[in-house]
PDB file of N, CA and C in Angstrom:
ATOM      1  N   MET A   1     -89.048-109.207 -18.303  1.00  0.00           N
ATOM      2  CA  MET A   1     -89.268-109.876 -17.380  1.00  0.00           C
ATOM      3  C   MET A   1     -87.666-110.643 -16.883  1.00  0.00           C
ATOM      4  N   LEU A   2     -87.184-111.093 -16.003  1.00  0.00           N
ATOM      5  CA  LEU A   2     -85.900-111.892 -16.057  1.00  0.00           C
ATOM      6  C   LEU A   2     -86.413-113.075 -15.654  1.00  0.00           C
ATOM      7  N   CYS A   3     -85.706-114.203 -15.824  1.00  0.00           N
ATOM      8  CA  CYS A   3     -85.868-115.667 -15.677  1.00  0.00           C
ATOM      9  C   CYS A   3     -84.864-116.130 -14.823  1.00  0.00           C
ATOM     10  N   ALA A   4     -84.978-117.032 -13.781  1.00  0.00           N
ATOM     11  CA  ALA A   4     -84.015-117.431 -13.087  1.00  0.00           C
ATOM     12  C   ALA A   4     -83.546-118.747 -13.366  1.00  0.00           C
ATOM     13  N   MET A   5     -84.255-119.134 -14.493  1.00  0.00           N
ATOM     14  CA  MET A   5     -84.248-120.565 -15.088  1.00  0.00           C
ATOM     15  C   MET A   5     -84.076-120.293 -16.626  1.00  0.00           C
ATOM     16  N   GLY A   6     -82.739-121.064 -16.950  1.00  0.00           N
ATOM     17  CA  GLY A   6     -82.477-120.831 -18.295  1.00  0.00           C
ATOM     18  C   GLY A   6     -81.243-121.565 -18.901  1.00  0.00           C
ATOM     19  N   THR A   7     -80.753-121.473 -19.631  1.00  0.00           N
ATOM     20  CA  THR A   7     -79.411-122.747 -20.229  1.00  0.00           C
ATOM     21  C   THR A   7     -78.553-121.725 -20.834  1.00  0.00           C
ATOM     22  N   ASN A   8     -78.799-120.561 -20.692  1.00  0.00           N
ATOM     23  CA  ASN A   8     -77.933-119.414 -21.088  1.00  0.00           C
ATOM     24  C   ASN A   8     -77.010-119.674 -20.756  1.00  0.00           C
ATOM     25  N   LYS A   9     -75.414-119.723 -21.048  1.00  0.00           N
ATOM     26  CA  LYS A   9     -74.389-119.543 -20.005  1.00  0.00           C
ATOM     27  C   LYS A   9     -73.440-118.410 -19.881  1.00  0.00           C
ATOM     28  N   LYS A  10     -74.501-117.116 -20.545  1.00  0.00           N
ATOM     29  CA  LYS A  10     -73.872-116.166 -20.570  1.00  0.00           C
ATOM     30  C   LYS A  10     -74.468-115.177 -19.556  1.00  0.00           C
ATOM     31  N   SER A  11     -73.404-114.285 -18.917  1.00  0.00           N
ATOM     32  CA  SER A  11     -74.002-113.282 -17.937  1.00  0.00           C
ATOM     33  C   SER A  11     -75.319-113.134 -17.637  1.00  0.00           C
ATOM     34  N   PRO A  12     -75.690-113.507 -16.699  1.00  0.00           N
ATOM     35  CA  PRO A  12     -77.085-112.486 -16.661  1.00  0.00           C
ATOM     36  C   PRO A  12     -77.049-111.073 -17.055  1.00  0.00           C
ATOM     37  N   ARG A  13     -78.175-110.689 -17.862  1.00  0.00           N
ATOM     38  CA  ARG A  13     -78.211-109.394 -18.275  1.00  0.00           C
ATOM     39  C   ARG A  13     -78.260-108.236 -17.288  1.00  0.00           C
ATOM     40  N   ALA A  14     -78.526-108.325 -16.275  1.00  0.00           N
ATOM     41  CA  ALA A  14     -78.109-107.520 -14.827  1.00  0.00           C
ATOM     42  C   ALA A  14     -77.203-107.302 -14.361  1.00  0.00           C
ATOM     43  N   ARG A  15     -75.902-108.337 -14.651  1.00  0.00           N
ATOM     44  CA  ARG A  15     -74.688-108.402 -14.074  1.00  0.00           C
ATOM     45  C   ARG A  15     -73.981-107.581 -15.200  1.00  0.00           C
ATOM     46  N   GLU A  16     -74.170-107.540 -16.293  1.00  0.00           N
ATOM     47  CA  GLU A  16     -73.949-107.014 -17.438  1.00  0.00           C
ATOM     48  C   GLU A  16     -74.145-105.529 -17.410  1.00  0.00           C
ATOM     49  N   LEU A  17     -75.145-105.049 -17.163  1.00  0.00           N
ATOM     50  CA  LEU A  17     -75.823-103.648 -16.694  1.00  0.00           C
ATOM     51  C   LEU A  17     -74.849-103.173 -15.554  1.00  0.00           C
ATOM     52  N   LEU A  18     -75.164-103.840 -14.211  1.00  0.00           N
ATOM     53  CA  LEU A  18     -74.230-103.437 -13.393  1.00  0.00           C
ATOM     54  C   LEU A  18     -72.807-103.315 -13.711  1.00  0.00           C
ATOM     55  N   ALA A  19     -71.706-103.817 -14.241  1.00  0.00           N
ATOM     56  CA  ALA A  19     -70.517-103.754 -14.482  1.00  0.00           C
ATOM     57  C   ALA A  19     -70.550-102.825 -15.520  1.00  0.00           C
ATOM     58  N   GLN A  20     -71.140-102.395 -16.400  1.00  0.00           N
ATOM     59  CA  GLN A  20     -70.907-101.480 -17.359  1.00  0.00           C
ATOM     60  C   GLN A  20     -70.944 -99.986 -16.801  1.00  0.00           C
ATOM     61  N   ASN A  21     -72.496 -99.882 -16.080  1.00  0.00           N
ATOM     62  CA  ASN A  21     -72.625 -98.868 -15.489  1.00  0.00           C
ATOM     63  C   ASN A  21     -71.771 -98.543 -13.891  1.00  0.00           C
ATOM     64  N   VAL A  22     -70.915 -99.517 -13.381  1.00  0.00           N
ATOM     65  CA  VAL A  22     -69.891 -98.920 -12.759  1.00  0.00           C
ATOM     66  C   VAL A  22     -68.553 -98.093 -13.452  1.00  0.00           C
ATOM     67  N   VAL A  23     -68.435 -99.665 -13.919  1.00  0.00           N
ATOM     68  CA  VAL A  23     -67.365 -98.792 -15.110  1.00  0.00           C
ATOM     69  C   VAL A  23     -67.594 -97.156 -15.369  1.00  0.00           C
ATOM     70  N   ARG A  24     -68.470 -96.746 -15.917  1.00  0.00           N
ATOM     71  CA  ARG A  24     -68.929 -95.921 -16.398  1.00  0.00           C
ATOM     72  C   ARG A  24     -68.913 -94.619 -15.475  1.00  0.00           C
ATOM     73  N   LEU A  25     -69.876 -94.865 -14.432  1.00  0.00           N
ATOM     74  CA  LEU A  25     -69.946 -93.859 -13.597  1.00  0.00           C
ATOM     75  C   LEU A  25     -68.602 -93.729 -12.813  1.00  0.00           C
ATOM     76  N   ARG A  26     -68.003 -94.622 -12.458  1.00  0.00           N
ATOM     77  CA  ARG A  26     -66.469 -94.537 -12.071  1.00  0.00           C
ATOM     78  C   ARG A  26     -65.370 -93.787 -12.552  1.00  0.00           C
ATOM     79  N   ALA A  27     -65.673 -94.005 -14.397  1.00  0.00           N
ATOM     80  CA  ALA A  27     -64.995 -93.049 -15.040  1.00  0.00           C
ATOM     81  C   ALA A  27     -65.299 -91.936 -15.251  1.00  0.00           C
ATOM     82  N   ASP A  28     -66.176 -91.629 -15.208  1.00  0.00           N
ATOM     83  CA  ASP A  28     -67.115 -89.953 -14.726  1.00  0.00           C
ATOM     84  C   ASP A  28     -66.575 -89.615 -14.141  1.00  0.00           C
ATOM     85  N   ARG A  29     -66.269 -90.369 -13.096  1.00  0.00           N
ATOM     86  CA  ARG A  29     -65.688 -89.319 -11.348  1.00  0.00           C
ATOM     87  C   ARG A  29     -64.568 -89.368 -11.133  1.00  0.00           C
ATOM     88  N   LYS A  30     -63.993 -90.104 -12.343  1.00  0.00           N
ATOM     89  CA  LYS A  30     -62.199 -90.005 -12.692  1.00  0.00           C
ATOM     90  C   LYS A  30     -61.539 -90.600 -10.976  1.00  0.00           C
ATOM     91  N   ILE A  31     -62.364 -91.769 -10.494  1.00  0.00           N
ATOM     92  CA  ILE A  31     -62.145 -92.301  -9.698  1.00  0.00           C
ATOM     93  C   ILE A  31     -61.518 -94.106  -9.832  1.00  0.00           C
ATOM     94  N   THR A  32     -60.174 -94.228  -8.843  1.00  0.00           N
ATOM     95  CA  THR A  32     -60.104 -96.053  -9.481  1.00  0.00           C
ATOM     96  C   THR A  32     -60.628 -96.541  -8.847  1.00  0.00           C
ATOM     97  N   GLN A  33     -60.517 -97.784  -8.899  1.00  0.00           N
ATOM     98  CA  GLN A  33     -60.872 -99.246  -8.326  1.00  0.00           C
ATOM     99  C   GLN A  33     -60.815 -99.091  -6.649  1.00  0.00           C
ATOM    100  N   GLU A  34     -59.280 -98.402  -6.457  1.00  0.00           N
ATOM    101  CA  GLU A  34     -59.373 -98.588  -5.187  1.00  0.00           C
ATOM    102  C   GLU A  34     -59.827 -97.556  -4.598  1.00  0.00           C
ATOM    103  N   ARG A  35     -59.785 -96.665  -5.123  1.00  0.00           N
ATOM    104  CA  ARG A  35     -60.706 -95.327  -4.497  1.00  0.00           C
ATOM    105  C   ARG A  35     -62.194 -95.920  -4.166  1.00  0.00           C
ATOM    106  N   LEU A  36     -62.473 -96.501  -5.186  1.00  0.00           N
ATOM    107  CA  LEU A  36     -64.340 -96.836  -4.610  1.00  0.00           C
ATOM    108  C   LEU A  36     -64.082 -97.830  -4.273  1.00  0.00           C
ATOM    109  N   GLY A  37     -63.588 -98.870  -3.706  1.00  0.00           N
ATOM    110  CA  GLY A  37     -63.382 -99.866  -2.610  1.00  0.00           C
ATOM    111  C   GLY A  37     -63.414 -99.177  -1.606  1.00  0.00           C
ATOM    112  N   GLU A  38     -62.626 -97.943  -1.480  1.00  0.00           N
ATOM    113  CA  GLU A  38     -62.242 -97.312   0.044  1.00  0.00           C
ATOM    114  C   GLU A  38     -63.742 -96.613   0.381  1.00  0.00           C
ATOM    115  N   MET A  39     -64.740 -95.934  -0.881  1.00  0.00           N
ATOM    116  CA  MET A  39     -65.443 -95.429  -0.355  1.00  0.00           C
ATOM    117  C   MET A  39     -66.975 -96.370  -0.212  1.00  0.00           C
ATOM    118  N   ALA A  40     -66.826 -97.432  -0.860  1.00  0.00           N
ATOM    119  CA  ALA A  40     -67.735 -98.485  -0.549  1.00  0.00           C
ATOM    120  C   ALA A  40     -67.758 -99.887   0.561  1.00  0.00           C
ATOM    121  N   ASP A  41     -66.208 -99.606   1.228  1.00  0.00           N
ATOM    122  CA  ASP A  41     -65.840-100.424   2.014  1.00  0.00           C
ATOM    123  C   ASP A  41     -66.041-101.700   0.948  1.00  0.00           C
ATOM    124  N   LEU A  42     -65.532-102.041   0.145  1.00  0.00           N
ATOM    125  CA  LEU A  42     -65.022-102.963  -0.597  1.00  0.00           C
ATOM    126  C   LEU A  42     -63.806-102.859  -1.383  1.00  0.00           C
ATOM    127  N   HIS A  43     -63.538-104.602  -1.296  1.00  0.00           N
ATOM    128  CA  HIS A  43     -61.970-104.504  -1.895  1.00  0.00           C
ATOM    129  C   HIS A  43     -61.626-104.003  -3.180  1.00  0.00           C
ATOM    130  N   PRO A  44     -60.897-103.683  -3.679  1.00  0.00           N
ATOM    131  CA  PRO A  44     -60.598-103.368  -4.912  1.00  0.00           C
ATOM    132  C   PRO A  44     -60.455-104.552  -6.198  1.00  0.00           C
ATOM    133  N   THR A  45     -60.062-105.313  -5.532  1.00  0.00           N
ATOM    134  CA  THR A  45     -60.450-106.734  -6.362  1.00  0.00           C
ATOM    135  C   THR A  45     -61.470-107.228  -6.666  1.00  0.00           C
ATOM    136  N   TYR A  46     -62.578-107.019  -5.884  1.00  0.00           N
ATOM    137  CA  TYR A  46     -64.001-107.386  -5.901  1.00  0.00           C
ATOM    138  C   TYR A  46     -64.520-106.348  -6.751  1.00  0.00           C
ATOM    139  N   ILE A  47     -64.144-104.855  -6.816  1.00  0.00           N
ATOM    140  CA  ILE A  47     -64.721-103.963  -7.892  1.00  0.00           C
ATOM    141  C   ILE A  47     -64.278-104.520  -8.758  1.00  0.00           C
ATOM    142  N   SER A  48     -62.823-104.938  -9.096  1.00  0.00           N
ATOM    143  CA  SER A  48     -62.638-105.120 -10.825  1.00  0.00           C
ATOM    144  C   SER A  48     -63.462-106.697 -10.920  1.00  0.00           C
ATOM    145  N   ALA A  49     -63.600-107.420 -10.323  1.00  0.00           N
ATOM    146  CA  ALA A  49     -64.077-108.699 -10.981  1.00  0.00           C
ATOM    147  C   ALA A  49     -65.859-108.586 -10.859  1.00  0.00           C
ATOM    148  N   ILE A  50     -66.548-107.350 -10.064  1.00  0.00           N
ATOM    149  CA  ILE A  50     -67.923-106.672 -10.695  1.00  0.00           C
ATOM    150  C   ILE A  50     -67.854-106.047 -12.324  1.00  0.00           C
ATOM    151  N   GLU A  51     -66.761-105.315 -12.342  1.00  0.00           N
ATOM    152  CA  GLU A  51     -66.789-104.601 -13.870  1.00  0.00           C
ATOM    153  C   GLU A  51     -66.447-105.504 -14.320  1.00  0.00           C
ATOM    154  N   ASN A  52     -65.811-106.849 -14.460  1.00  0.00           N
ATOM    155  CA  ASN A  52     -65.517-107.910 -15.545  1.00  0.00           C
ATOM    156  C   ASN A  52     -66.434-108.606 -15.390  1.00  0.00           C
ATOM    157  N   GLY A  53     -67.863-108.495 -14.580  1.00  0.00           N
ATOM    158  CA  GLY A  53     -68.721-109.701 -15.027  1.00  0.00           C
ATOM    159  C   GLY A  53     -68.220-110.850 -14.613  1.00  0.00           C
ATOM    160  N   ARG A  54     -67.277-110.557 -13.555  1.00  0.00           N
ATOM    161  CA  ARG A  54     -67.008-112.389 -13.262  1.00  0.00           C
ATOM    162  C   ARG A  54     -67.106-112.305 -11.569  1.00  0.00           C
ATOM    163  N   ARG A  55     -68.209-111.607 -10.712  1.00  0.00           N
ATOM    164  CA  ARG A  55     -68.453-111.263  -9.881  1.00  0.00           C
ATOM    165  C   ARG A  55     -70.112-111.004  -9.630  1.00  0.00           C
ATOM    166  N   ASN A  56     -71.164-111.946  -8.971  1.00  0.00           N
ATOM    167  CA  ASN A  56     -72.259-111.710  -8.984  1.00  0.00           C
ATOM    168  C   ASN A  56     -72.694-111.386  -7.849  1.00  0.00           C
ATOM    169  N   ALA A  57     -72.322-109.866  -7.808  1.00  0.00           N
ATOM    170  CA  ALA A  57     -72.697-108.951  -6.532  1.00  0.00           C
ATOM    171  C   ALA A  57     -73.819-108.897  -5.925  1.00  0.00           C
ATOM    172  N   SER A  58     -73.686-109.032  -4.275  1.00  0.00           N
ATOM    173  CA  SER A  58     -74.773-109.483  -3.881  1.00  0.00           C
ATOM    174  C   SER A  58     -75.707-107.853  -3.785  1.00  0.00           C
ATOM    175  N   LEU A  59     -77.107-107.770  -2.937  1.00  0.00           N
ATOM    176  CA  LEU A  59     -77.523-106.621  -2.839  1.00  0.00           C
ATOM    177  C   LEU A  59     -76.723-105.566  -1.920  1.00  0.00           C
ATOM    178  N   ASP A  60     -76.214-105.787  -0.896  1.00  0.00           N
ATOM    179  CA  ASP A  60     -75.357-105.406  -0.287  1.00  0.00           C
ATOM    180  C   ASP A  60     -74.435-104.404  -0.493  1.00  0.00           C
ATOM    181  N   SER A  61     -73.784-104.829  -1.599  1.00  0.00           N
ATOM    182  CA  SER A  61     -72.630-104.739  -2.282  1.00  0.00           C
ATOM    183  C   SER A  61     -73.023-103.541  -3.231  1.00  0.00           C
ATOM    184  N   ILE A  62     -74.059-104.073  -4.024  1.00  0.00           N
ATOM    185  CA  ILE A  62     -74.422-102.872  -4.941  1.00  0.00           C
ATOM    186  C   ILE A  62     -74.991-101.733  -4.138  1.00  0.00           C
ATOM    187  N   GLU A  63     -75.843-102.051  -3.033  1.00  0.00           N
ATOM    188  CA  GLU A  63     -76.304-100.689  -2.248  1.00  0.00           C
ATOM    189  C   GLU A  63     -75.145 -99.712  -1.887  1.00  0.00           C
ATOM    190  N   ARG A  64     -73.654-100.590  -1.250  1.00  0.00           N
ATOM    191  CA  ARG A  64     -72.750 -99.890  -1.016  1.00  0.00           C
ATOM    192  C   ARG A  64     -72.089 -98.934  -2.309  1.00  0.00           C
ATOM    193  N   LEU A  65     -72.104 -99.816  -3.072  1.00  0.00           N
ATOM    194  CA  LEU A  65     -71.678 -98.888  -4.554  1.00  0.00           C
ATOM    195  C   LEU A  65     -72.689 -97.449  -4.878  1.00  0.00           C
ATOM    196  N   ALA A  66     -74.023 -97.781  -4.637  1.00  0.00           N
ATOM    197  CA  ALA A  66     -74.837 -96.714  -5.169  1.00  0.00           C
ATOM    198  C   ALA A  66     -74.495 -95.729  -4.071  1.00  0.00           C
ATOM    199  N   ILE A  67     -74.090 -96.103  -2.792  1.00  0.00           N
ATOM    200  CA  ILE A  67     -73.969 -95.030  -1.695  1.00  0.00           C
ATOM    201  C   ILE A  67     -73.024 -93.906  -1.895  1.00  0.00           C
ATOM    202  N   ALA A  68     -71.887 -94.744  -2.027  1.00  0.00           N
ATOM    203  CA  ALA A  68     -70.370 -94.149  -2.775  1.00  0.00           C
ATOM    204  C   ALA A  68     -70.198 -93.450  -3.847  1.00  0.00           C
ATOM    205  N   LEU A  69     -71.237 -94.005  -4.754  1.00  0.00           N
ATOM    206  CA  LEU A  69     -71.251 -93.091  -5.970  1.00  0.00           C
ATOM    207  C   LEU A  69     -72.481 -91.794  -5.916  1.00  0.00           C
ATOM    208  N   GLN A  70     -73.484 -91.776  -5.041  1.00  0.00           N
ATOM    209  CA  GLN A  70     -74.239 -90.736  -4.931  1.00  0.00           C
ATOM    210  C   GLN A  70     -74.976 -90.707  -5.623  1.00  0.00           C
ATOM    211  N   ILE A  71     -75.881 -91.879  -6.076  1.00  0.00           N
ATOM    212  CA  ILE A  71     -76.688 -92.467  -6.853  1.00  0.00           C
ATOM    213  C   ILE A  71     -77.901 -93.273  -6.501  1.00  0.00           C
ATOM    214  N   PRO A  72     -79.388 -93.459  -6.702  1.00  0.00           N
ATOM    215  CA  PRO A  72     -80.217 -94.478  -6.349  1.00  0.00           C
ATOM    216  C   PRO A  72     -79.653 -96.047  -7.031  1.00  0.00           C
ATOM    217  N   ILE A  73     -79.983 -97.165  -5.988  1.00  0.00           N
ATOM    218  CA  ILE A  73     -79.447 -98.052  -6.722  1.00  0.00           C
ATOM    219  C   ILE A  73     -79.949 -98.638  -8.263  1.00  0.00           C
ATOM    220  N   ALA A  74     -81.195 -97.924  -8.039  1.00  0.00           N
ATOM    221  CA  ALA A  74     -82.035 -98.746  -9.588  1.00  0.00           C
ATOM    222  C   ALA A  74     -80.944 -98.361 -10.721  1.00  0.00           C
ATOM    223  N   ASP A  75     -80.282 -97.042 -10.412  1.00  0.00           N
ATOM    224  CA  ASP A  75     -79.399 -96.388 -11.757  1.00  0.00           C
ATOM    225  C   ASP A  75     -78.271 -97.684 -12.273  1.00  0.00           C
ATOM    226  N   LEU A  76     -77.546 -98.421 -10.906  1.00  0.00           N
ATOM    227  CA  LEU A  76     -76.850 -99.251 -11.558  1.00  0.00           C
ATOM    228  C   LEU A  76     -77.395-100.463 -12.327  1.00  0.00           C
ATOM    229  N   LEU A  77     -78.746-100.546 -12.428  1.00  0.00           N
ATOM    230  CA  LEU A  77     -78.995-101.985 -12.679  1.00  0.00           C
ATOM    231  C   LEU A  77     -79.874-101.386 -14.177  1.00  0.00           C
ATOM    232  N   SER A  78     -79.700 -99.717 -14.594  1.00  0.00           N
ATOM    233  CA  SER A  78     -80.580 -99.458 -15.223  1.00  0.00           C
ATOM    234  C   SER A  78     -79.967 -99.272 -17.040  1.00  0.00           C
ATOM    235  N   GLU A  79     -80.538 -99.590 -18.203  1.00  0.00           N
ATOM    236  CA  GLU A  79     -79.859 -99.070 -19.253  1.00  0.00           C
ATOM    237  C   GLU A  79     -79.595 -97.562 -19.783  1.00  0.00           C
TER     238      GLU A  79
END
């Protein structure tokens, strides 16, 4: 269970999973951050920030990424 309260300064596990999965799925499809940004209607620097765990992606952005990658949303947060 994820807990919103905590003193851990490290990125939340969901953010790490999202970052790893976006990188992997984008690489599997051989598309650039720029192309994924176009497909998801998100700026390429935002894609980069998500992939590097620097941005806390909104649910809307996660949904756009899932649609662009043609996968269920849950796959972006799965191990």
